[in-house]
Amino acid sequence: MRGERLSVVGRVTMDFIMVDAGPAGGAVRVGDVATVVGRDGDGEISLHEFARWSETISYEVLTRFGARLSRVYVDG
């Protein structure tokens, strides 16, 4: 949330996850950006780090992001 890391709660199912926004949960609004991999503010989650959490390799993580996931490509 605005560069803050939040904890995943429960199970990851297909292309759906839930996160604990804690006491600031009321500040989360529909349309807010949720960065799964990449940079947000001062925070960053690398593909390698995400793969490590998933106990797999980076390439497999990329191939599992489904078509319903919005993509934003940034030059640079």
Protein backbone atom coordinates (compact mmCIF):
# COMPACT_ATOMS: atom_id res chain seq x y z
CA MET A 1 0.00 0.00 0.00
CA ARG A 2 1.78 3.07 -1.32
CA GLY A 3 5.16 1.34 -1.17
CA GLU A 4 4.42 -0.55 2.06
CA ARG A 5 4.73 -4.34 2.12
CA LEU A 6 1.63 -6.19 3.25
CA SER A 7 1.32 -9.80 4.35
CA VAL A 8 -0.52 -12.34 2.24
CA VAL A 9 -3.17 -14.06 4.36
CA GLY A 10 -4.77 -17.39 3.60
CA ARG A 11 -4.04 -19.36 0.47
CA VAL A 12 -3.14 -18.06 -2.96
CA THR A 13 -5.80 -19.41 -5.32
CA MET A 14 -5.35 -19.30 -9.09
CA ASP A 15 -5.01 -15.53 -9.70
CA PHE A 16 -6.45 -14.26 -6.41
CA ILE A 17 -4.74 -13.30 -3.16
CA MET A 18 -5.78 -11.53 0.01
CA VAL A 19 -3.54 -9.21 2.00
CA ASP A 20 -3.80 -7.84 5.51
CA ALA A 21 -3.93 -4.05 5.27
CA GLY A 22 -3.96 -3.84 9.07
CA PRO A 23 -5.22 -0.72 10.83
CA ALA A 24 -4.78 1.30 7.64
CA GLY A 25 -7.21 -1.00 5.81
CA GLY A 26 -9.81 1.73 5.64
CA ALA A 27 -7.40 3.73 3.49
CA VAL A 28 -7.44 1.08 0.73
CA ARG A 29 -9.75 1.98 -2.14
CA VAL A 30 -10.96 0.24 -5.28
CA GLY A 31 -8.50 1.10 -8.02
CA ASP A 32 -5.46 1.37 -5.75
CA VAL A 33 -2.33 -0.14 -7.27
CA ALA A 34 -1.10 -3.43 -5.83
CA THR A 35 2.44 -4.11 -6.97
CA VAL A 36 3.24 -7.82 -6.98
CA VAL A 37 6.63 -7.55 -8.68
CA GLY A 38 8.48 -4.30 -9.30
CA ARG A 39 8.84 -0.90 -7.65
CA ASP A 40 6.29 1.20 -5.78
CA GLY A 41 7.59 4.29 -4.05
CA ASP A 42 10.75 3.32 -2.19
CA GLY A 43 9.75 -0.35 -2.03
CA GLU A 44 10.68 -3.07 -4.49
CA ILE A 45 9.92 -6.76 -4.87
CA SER A 46 12.21 -8.44 -7.36
CA LEU A 47 11.14 -11.36 -9.51
CA HIS A 48 13.93 -13.39 -7.90
CA GLU A 49 12.58 -12.63 -4.41
CA PHE A 50 9.02 -13.54 -5.45
CA ALA A 51 10.28 -16.81 -6.95
CA ARG A 52 12.16 -17.65 -3.76
CA TRP A 53 8.95 -17.20 -1.71
CA SER A 54 7.17 -19.48 -4.18
CA GLU A 55 9.96 -22.06 -4.01
CA THR A 56 10.46 -21.96 -7.77
CA ILE A 57 12.47 -20.10 -10.42
CA SER A 58 11.89 -16.64 -11.89
CA TYR A 59 10.93 -17.95 -15.34
CA GLU A 60 8.14 -20.11 -13.90
CA VAL A 61 6.72 -17.13 -12.00
CA LEU A 62 6.54 -15.11 -15.24
CA THR A 63 4.80 -17.89 -17.15
CA ARG A 64 2.15 -18.24 -14.44
CA PHE A 65 0.91 -14.64 -14.56
CA GLY A 66 -2.41 -15.12 -16.36
CA ALA A 67 -4.05 -13.09 -19.11
CA ARG A 68 -6.44 -11.38 -16.66
CA LEU A 69 -3.52 -9.63 -14.98
CA SER A 70 -3.05 -6.05 -16.20
CA ARG A 71 0.40 -5.26 -17.48
CA VAL A 72 2.13 -1.91 -17.55
CA TYR A 73 5.38 -1.74 -19.51
CA VAL A 74 7.82 1.00 -18.64
CA ASP A 75 10.64 1.96 -20.96
CA GLY A 76 13.98 1.93 -19.19
